[in-house]
Amino acid sequence: MTRVLFVGQKPDTVDFSDPSLPPGFNAEKIQAGIDIAETTMTERGWDADIFMIAPDDSGIATLAAQMASVDYDCVVIGGGLRIPPKGLPFFEKVVNAIHQSAPKAAIAFNTRPEDTAEAAARWTGAD
């Protein structure tokens, strides 16, 4: 069975005043997308974990602990962690935590939460 981790930023920790985010974006819209991502991965028969983290060192620590507890085929990193330019240093920490904890797992990127399953499918070959 394909095992996928979707890691993103906790919706309630997003700075919606950041001009790099789409206008009208809010925590409810993000959560709705996360819910769709979970549903579509489950519908594909995958064992999927949704893992939203705080954008700080505690988030990296919890991500590293999660990665150490499960072998994933693919880790999809959400846009909230990589799109805002001011978040680049944290995004690098996320990528390196994944790489160090699961060097054999593919790393994929979605364009929005709703296409998380498609991002994982590109790298797992599992449809």
N, C-alpha and C. Protein backbone atom coordinates (compact mmCIF):
# COMPACT_ATOMS: atom_id res chain seq x y z
N MET A 1 0.84 -1.18 0.00
CA MET A 1 0.00 0.00 0.00
C MET A 1 0.89 1.24 0.00
N THR A 2 0.51 2.24 -0.76
CA THR A 2 1.25 3.50 -0.84
C THR A 2 1.01 4.30 0.43
N ARG A 3 2.10 4.78 0.99
CA ARG A 3 2.03 5.57 2.23
C ARG A 3 2.49 6.99 1.93
N VAL A 4 1.60 7.97 2.16
CA VAL A 4 1.87 9.37 1.82
C VAL A 4 1.67 10.25 3.04
N LEU A 5 2.58 11.21 3.20
CA LEU A 5 2.45 12.24 4.22
C LEU A 5 2.23 13.57 3.53
N PHE A 6 1.19 14.28 3.92
CA PHE A 6 0.95 15.64 3.44
C PHE A 6 1.29 16.56 4.60
N VAL A 7 2.36 17.32 4.45
CA VAL A 7 2.79 18.24 5.49
C VAL A 7 2.53 19.67 5.03
N GLY A 8 1.93 20.43 5.90
CA GLY A 8 1.63 21.83 5.60
C GLY A 8 1.66 22.64 6.87
N GLN A 9 1.35 23.91 6.70
CA GLN A 9 1.32 24.82 7.85
C GLN A 9 -0.08 24.81 8.46
N LYS A 10 -0.14 24.80 9.78
CA LYS A 10 -1.43 24.86 10.46
C LYS A 10 -2.16 26.10 9.97
N PRO A 11 -3.40 25.94 9.47
CA PRO A 11 -4.12 27.08 8.91
C PRO A 11 -4.23 28.27 9.85
N ASP A 12 -4.37 28.01 11.13
CA ASP A 12 -4.53 29.13 12.07
C ASP A 12 -3.23 29.87 12.36
N THR A 13 -2.11 29.43 11.77
CA THR A 13 -0.83 30.12 11.98
C THR A 13 -0.39 30.91 10.75
N VAL A 14 -1.20 30.90 9.68
CA VAL A 14 -0.84 31.59 8.44
C VAL A 14 -1.05 33.09 8.59
N ASP A 15 -0.08 33.86 8.08
CA ASP A 15 -0.18 35.32 8.07
C ASP A 15 -0.91 35.72 6.78
N PHE A 16 -2.22 35.93 6.89
CA PHE A 16 -3.03 36.23 5.71
C PHE A 16 -2.84 37.65 5.21
N SER A 17 -2.09 38.46 5.93
CA SER A 17 -1.79 39.81 5.45
C SER A 17 -0.62 39.80 4.46
N ASP A 18 0.05 38.67 4.31
CA ASP A 18 1.18 38.55 3.39
C ASP A 18 0.68 38.74 1.96
N PRO A 19 1.22 39.74 1.23
CA PRO A 19 0.73 40.00 -0.13
C PRO A 19 1.05 38.89 -1.13
N SER A 20 1.91 37.94 -0.78
CA SER A 20 2.22 36.85 -1.70
C SER A 20 1.13 35.78 -1.71
N LEU A 21 0.21 35.85 -0.76
CA LEU A 21 -0.90 34.89 -0.72
C LEU A 21 -2.07 35.39 -1.54
N PRO A 22 -2.85 34.49 -2.10
CA PRO A 22 -4.00 34.90 -2.91
C PRO A 22 -4.99 35.75 -2.11
N PRO A 23 -5.57 36.74 -2.74
CA PRO A 23 -6.58 37.55 -2.04
C PRO A 23 -7.76 36.68 -1.61
N GLY A 24 -8.30 36.97 -0.43
CA GLY A 24 -9.45 36.23 0.06
C GLY A 24 -9.13 34.89 0.69
N PHE A 25 -7.86 34.56 0.73
CA PHE A 25 -7.43 33.29 1.33
C PHE A 25 -7.66 33.37 2.84
N ASN A 26 -8.14 32.29 3.44
CA ASN A 26 -8.33 32.27 4.89
C ASN A 26 -8.19 30.84 5.40
N ALA A 27 -8.20 30.70 6.72
CA ALA A 27 -7.98 29.39 7.35
C ALA A 27 -9.06 28.38 6.96
N GLU A 28 -10.29 28.84 6.81
CA GLU A 28 -11.38 27.94 6.45
C GLU A 28 -11.17 27.36 5.05
N LYS A 29 -10.74 28.18 4.11
CA LYS A 29 -10.48 27.70 2.75
C LYS A 29 -9.33 26.70 2.73
N ILE A 30 -8.31 26.98 3.52
CA ILE A 30 -7.18 26.04 3.60
C ILE A 30 -7.66 24.71 4.17
N GLN A 31 -8.41 24.76 5.25
CA GLN A 31 -8.89 23.52 5.88
C GLN A 31 -9.79 22.74 4.94
N ALA A 32 -10.62 23.42 4.18
CA ALA A 32 -11.47 22.73 3.21
C ALA A 32 -10.62 22.00 2.18
N GLY A 33 -9.55 22.63 1.72
CA GLY A 33 -8.64 21.98 0.78
C GLY A 33 -7.93 20.78 1.39
N ILE A 34 -7.52 20.92 2.65
CA ILE A 34 -6.87 19.80 3.35
C ILE A 34 -7.83 18.61 3.45
N ASP A 35 -9.09 18.91 3.75
CA ASP A 35 -10.10 17.85 3.85
C ASP A 35 -10.27 17.13 2.51
N ILE A 36 -10.27 17.89 1.42
CA ILE A 36 -10.37 17.29 0.09
C ILE A 36 -9.14 16.43 -0.19
N ALA A 37 -7.96 16.92 0.17
CA ALA A 37 -6.73 16.15 -0.04
C ALA A 37 -6.80 14.82 0.68
N GLU A 38 -7.25 14.85 1.91
CA GLU A 38 -7.35 13.61 2.69
C GLU A 38 -8.33 12.64 2.03
N THR A 39 -9.47 13.14 1.60
CA THR A 39 -10.48 12.30 0.95
C THR A 39 -9.95 11.69 -0.34
N THR A 40 -9.31 12.49 -1.19
CA THR A 40 -8.85 11.96 -2.47
C THR A 40 -7.74 10.93 -2.30
N MET A 41 -6.88 11.12 -1.31
CA MET A 41 -5.84 10.12 -1.09
C MET A 41 -6.43 8.83 -0.56
N THR A 42 -7.39 8.94 0.33
CA THR A 42 -8.07 7.75 0.87
C THR A 42 -8.83 7.02 -0.24
N GLU A 43 -9.49 7.77 -1.12
CA GLU A 43 -10.21 7.16 -2.24
C GLU A 43 -9.28 6.38 -3.16
N ARG A 44 -8.02 6.78 -3.23
CA ARG A 44 -7.04 6.07 -4.06
C ARG A 44 -6.54 4.80 -3.36
N GLY A 45 -6.97 4.60 -2.13
CA GLY A 45 -6.55 3.42 -1.39
C GLY A 45 -5.21 3.59 -0.69
N TRP A 46 -4.76 4.80 -0.57
CA TRP A 46 -3.48 5.07 0.07
C TRP A 46 -3.64 5.19 1.57
N ASP A 47 -2.58 4.91 2.27
CA ASP A 47 -2.50 5.17 3.69
C ASP A 47 -1.90 6.57 3.81
N ALA A 48 -2.75 7.55 4.06
CA ALA A 48 -2.32 8.95 4.04
C ALA A 48 -2.41 9.58 5.42
N ASP A 49 -1.37 10.32 5.76
CA ASP A 49 -1.34 11.07 7.00
C ASP A 49 -1.32 12.56 6.67
N ILE A 50 -2.18 13.31 7.33
CA ILE A 50 -2.22 14.76 7.19
C ILE A 50 -1.50 15.32 8.41
N PHE A 51 -0.51 16.14 8.16
CA PHE A 51 0.34 16.60 9.25
C PHE A 51 0.61 18.09 9.09
N MET A 52 -0.15 18.89 9.82
CA MET A 52 0.01 20.34 9.77
C MET A 52 0.89 20.78 10.95
N ILE A 53 1.87 21.62 10.65
CA ILE A 53 2.84 22.01 11.67
C ILE A 53 2.84 23.52 11.88
N ALA A 54 3.33 23.92 13.03
CA ALA A 54 3.56 25.34 13.32
C ALA A 54 4.83 25.77 12.58
N PRO A 55 4.88 27.02 12.13
CA PRO A 55 6.05 27.48 11.38
C PRO A 55 7.20 27.93 12.30
N ASP A 56 7.65 27.00 13.12
CA ASP A 56 8.74 27.30 14.05
C ASP A 56 9.51 26.01 14.36
N ASP A 57 10.48 26.10 15.25
CA ASP A 57 11.30 24.93 15.56
C ASP A 57 10.48 23.78 16.15
N SER A 58 9.38 24.09 16.84
CA SER A 58 8.55 23.00 17.37
C SER A 58 7.91 22.23 16.22
N GLY A 59 7.56 22.92 15.14
CA GLY A 59 7.02 22.26 13.96
C GLY A 59 8.02 21.31 13.32
N ILE A 60 9.27 21.75 13.25
CA ILE A 60 10.32 20.90 12.70
C ILE A 60 10.53 19.68 13.58
N ALA A 61 10.52 19.86 14.88
CA ALA A 61 10.72 18.75 15.81
C ALA A 61 9.59 17.72 15.68
N THR A 62 8.34 18.19 15.59
CA THR A 62 7.23 17.24 15.46
C THR A 62 7.26 16.55 14.10
N LEU A 63 7.68 17.27 13.07
CA LEU A 63 7.81 16.65 11.74
C LEU A 63 8.88 15.57 11.76
N ALA A 64 10.01 15.86 12.36
CA ALA A 64 11.10 14.87 12.44
C ALA A 64 10.64 13.63 13.21
N ALA A 65 9.90 13.84 14.28
CA ALA A 65 9.40 12.70 15.06
C ALA A 65 8.41 11.87 14.24
N GLN A 66 7.54 12.53 13.49
CA GLN A 66 6.59 11.81 12.64
C GLN A 66 7.32 11.01 11.57
N MET A 67 8.30 11.63 10.95
CA MET A 67 9.07 10.97 9.89
C MET A 67 9.83 9.77 10.43
N ALA A 68 10.27 9.85 11.66
CA ALA A 68 11.02 8.74 12.26
C ALA A 68 10.11 7.56 12.62
N SER A 69 8.80 7.83 12.73
CA SER A 69 7.89 6.78 13.18
C SER A 69 7.24 5.98 12.05
N VAL A 70 7.33 6.47 10.81
CA VAL A 70 6.65 5.84 9.69
C VAL A 70 7.54 5.92 8.45
N ASP A 71 7.53 4.87 7.64
CA ASP A 71 8.23 4.90 6.36
C ASP A 71 7.24 5.36 5.29
N TYR A 72 7.51 6.52 4.71
CA TYR A 72 6.63 7.07 3.68
C TYR A 72 7.22 6.84 2.29
N ASP A 73 6.34 6.60 1.33
CA ASP A 73 6.75 6.52 -0.07
C ASP A 73 6.93 7.90 -0.66
N CYS A 74 6.11 8.83 -0.18
CA CYS A 74 6.16 10.20 -0.70
C CYS A 74 5.72 11.17 0.38
N VAL A 75 6.35 12.32 0.40
CA VAL A 75 5.95 13.41 1.28
C VAL A 75 5.60 14.60 0.39
N VAL A 76 4.38 15.08 0.51
CA VAL A 76 3.93 16.24 -0.26
C VAL A 76 3.99 17.46 0.67
N ILE A 77 4.71 18.48 0.22
CA ILE A 77 4.84 19.72 0.99
C ILE A 77 3.88 20.74 0.42
N GLY A 78 3.03 21.26 1.29
CA GLY A 78 2.01 22.22 0.87
C GLY A 78 2.56 23.60 0.57
N GLY A 79 1.79 24.33 -0.22
CA GLY A 79 2.18 25.66 -0.66
C GLY A 79 2.35 26.67 0.46
N GLY A 80 1.62 26.51 1.53
CA GLY A 80 1.74 27.46 2.64
C GLY A 80 3.13 27.47 3.25
N LEU A 81 3.85 26.37 3.09
CA LEU A 81 5.22 26.30 3.61
C LEU A 81 6.25 26.82 2.61
N ARG A 82 5.90 26.91 1.34
CA ARG A 82 6.92 27.27 0.37
C ARG A 82 6.63 28.53 -0.44
N ILE A 83 5.39 28.99 -0.48
CA ILE A 83 5.05 30.13 -1.32
C ILE A 83 5.51 31.48 -0.76
N PRO A 84 5.19 31.79 0.49
CA PRO A 84 5.58 33.13 0.97
C PRO A 84 7.11 33.28 0.99
N PRO A 85 7.65 34.27 0.28
CA PRO A 85 9.11 34.44 0.25
C PRO A 85 9.74 34.57 1.63
N LYS A 86 9.04 35.21 2.57
CA LYS A 86 9.63 35.37 3.90
C LYS A 86 9.73 34.04 4.65
N GLY A 87 9.05 33.01 4.15
CA GLY A 87 9.10 31.69 4.78
C GLY A 87 10.18 30.78 4.24
N LEU A 88 11.01 31.27 3.32
CA LEU A 88 12.03 30.43 2.69
C LEU A 88 12.94 29.72 3.70
N PRO A 89 13.48 30.38 4.72
CA PRO A 89 14.34 29.66 5.66
C PRO A 89 13.61 28.50 6.36
N PHE A 90 12.34 28.69 6.70
CA PHE A 90 11.60 27.61 7.34
C PHE A 90 11.33 26.49 6.34
N PHE A 91 10.99 26.83 5.11
CA PHE A 91 10.77 25.83 4.06
C PHE A 91 12.03 24.97 3.90
N GLU A 92 13.19 25.59 3.90
CA GLU A 92 14.44 24.83 3.80
C GLU A 92 14.59 23.85 4.96
N LYS A 93 14.20 24.29 6.17
CA LYS A 93 14.27 23.39 7.33
C LYS A 93 13.34 22.19 7.13
N VAL A 94 12.16 22.45 6.59
CA VAL A 94 11.20 21.36 6.34
C VAL A 94 11.78 20.36 5.35
N VAL A 95 12.30 20.85 4.23
CA VAL A 95 12.86 19.97 3.21
C VAL A 95 14.01 19.15 3.79
N ASN A 96 14.88 19.78 4.54
CA ASN A 96 16.02 19.06 5.09
C ASN A 96 15.61 18.08 6.18
N ALA A 97 14.60 18.41 6.97
CA ALA A 97 14.11 17.45 7.97
C ALA A 97 13.55 16.21 7.29
N ILE A 98 12.83 16.41 6.20
CA ILE A 98 12.28 15.27 5.44
C ILE A 98 13.42 14.46 4.83
N HIS A 99 14.34 15.13 4.19
CA HIS A 99 15.45 14.44 3.53
C HIS A 99 16.28 13.63 4.54
N GLN A 100 16.55 14.21 5.70
CA GLN A 100 17.36 13.53 6.71
C GLN A 100 16.62 12.36 7.33
N SER A 101 15.32 12.52 7.54
CA SER A 101 14.54 11.47 8.20
C SER A 101 14.09 10.36 7.27
N ALA A 102 13.92 10.69 6.00
CA ALA A 102 13.39 9.70 5.04
C ALA A 102 14.07 9.89 3.69
N PRO A 103 15.35 9.56 3.60
CA PRO A 103 16.08 9.82 2.36
C PRO A 103 15.57 9.05 1.14
N LYS A 104 14.79 7.99 1.35
CA LYS A 104 14.27 7.23 0.22
C LYS A 104 12.88 7.69 -0.22
N ALA A 105 12.25 8.54 0.56
CA ALA A 105 10.91 9.02 0.21
C ALA A 105 11.01 10.09 -0.86
N ALA A 106 10.11 10.01 -1.82
CA ALA A 106 10.02 11.07 -2.82
C ALA A 106 9.44 12.31 -2.14
N ILE A 107 9.82 13.48 -2.63
CA ILE A 107 9.28 14.73 -2.14
C ILE A 107 8.53 15.37 -3.31
N ALA A 108 7.29 15.74 -3.06
CA ALA A 108 6.45 16.34 -4.10
C ALA A 108 5.87 17.66 -3.58
N PHE A 109 5.37 18.46 -4.51
CA PHE A 109 4.79 19.75 -4.17
C PHE A 109 3.43 19.88 -4.84
N ASN A 110 2.46 20.31 -4.07
CA ASN A 110 1.14 20.55 -4.66
C ASN A 110 1.05 22.02 -5.07
N THR A 111 0.01 22.35 -5.84
CA THR A 111 -0.22 23.75 -6.18
C THR A 111 -1.29 24.34 -5.27
N ARG A 112 -2.09 23.46 -4.69
CA ARG A 112 -3.11 23.81 -3.70
C ARG A 112 -3.45 22.51 -2.98
N PRO A 113 -4.06 22.57 -1.80
CA PRO A 113 -4.32 21.32 -1.07
C PRO A 113 -5.11 20.31 -1.88
N GLU A 114 -6.02 20.78 -2.72
CA GLU A 114 -6.89 19.86 -3.46
C GLU A 114 -6.15 18.97 -4.45
N ASP A 115 -4.94 19.35 -4.89
CA ASP A 115 -4.23 18.49 -5.84
C ASP A 115 -3.05 17.75 -5.19
N THR A 116 -3.14 17.55 -3.90
CA THR A 116 -2.10 16.82 -3.17
C THR A 116 -1.96 15.38 -3.68
N ALA A 117 -3.07 14.71 -3.93
CA ALA A 117 -3.00 13.32 -4.40
C ALA A 117 -2.32 13.25 -5.76
N GLU A 118 -2.60 14.20 -6.63
CA GLU A 118 -1.96 14.20 -7.95
C GLU A 118 -0.46 14.42 -7.82
N ALA A 119 -0.06 15.30 -6.89
CA ALA A 119 1.37 15.54 -6.66
C ALA A 119 2.06 14.25 -6.21
N ALA A 120 1.45 13.55 -5.27
CA ALA A 120 2.04 12.29 -4.79
C ALA A 120 2.07 11.24 -5.89
N ALA A 121 1.02 11.18 -6.69
CA ALA A 121 0.94 10.18 -7.76
C ALA A 121 2.05 10.36 -8.78
N ARG A 122 2.47 11.59 -9.01
CA ARG A 122 3.56 11.83 -9.98
C ARG A 122 4.83 11.09 -9.56
N TRP A 123 5.04 10.94 -8.26
CA TRP A 123 6.29 10.37 -7.76
C TRP A 123 6.18 8.95 -7.27
N THR A 124 4.98 8.50 -6.99
CA THR A 124 4.84 7.13 -6.51
C THR A 124 4.43 6.17 -7.61
N GLY A 125 3.88 6.71 -8.68
CA GLY A 125 3.38 5.87 -9.75
C GLY A 125 2.12 5.12 -9.33
N ALA A 126 1.55 5.50 -8.22
CA ALA A 126 0.38 4.81 -7.68
C ALA A 126 -0.87 5.60 -8.02
N ASP A 127 -1.73 5.01 -8.81
CA ASP A 127 -3.00 5.66 -9.13
C ASP A 127 -4.17 4.82 -8.74
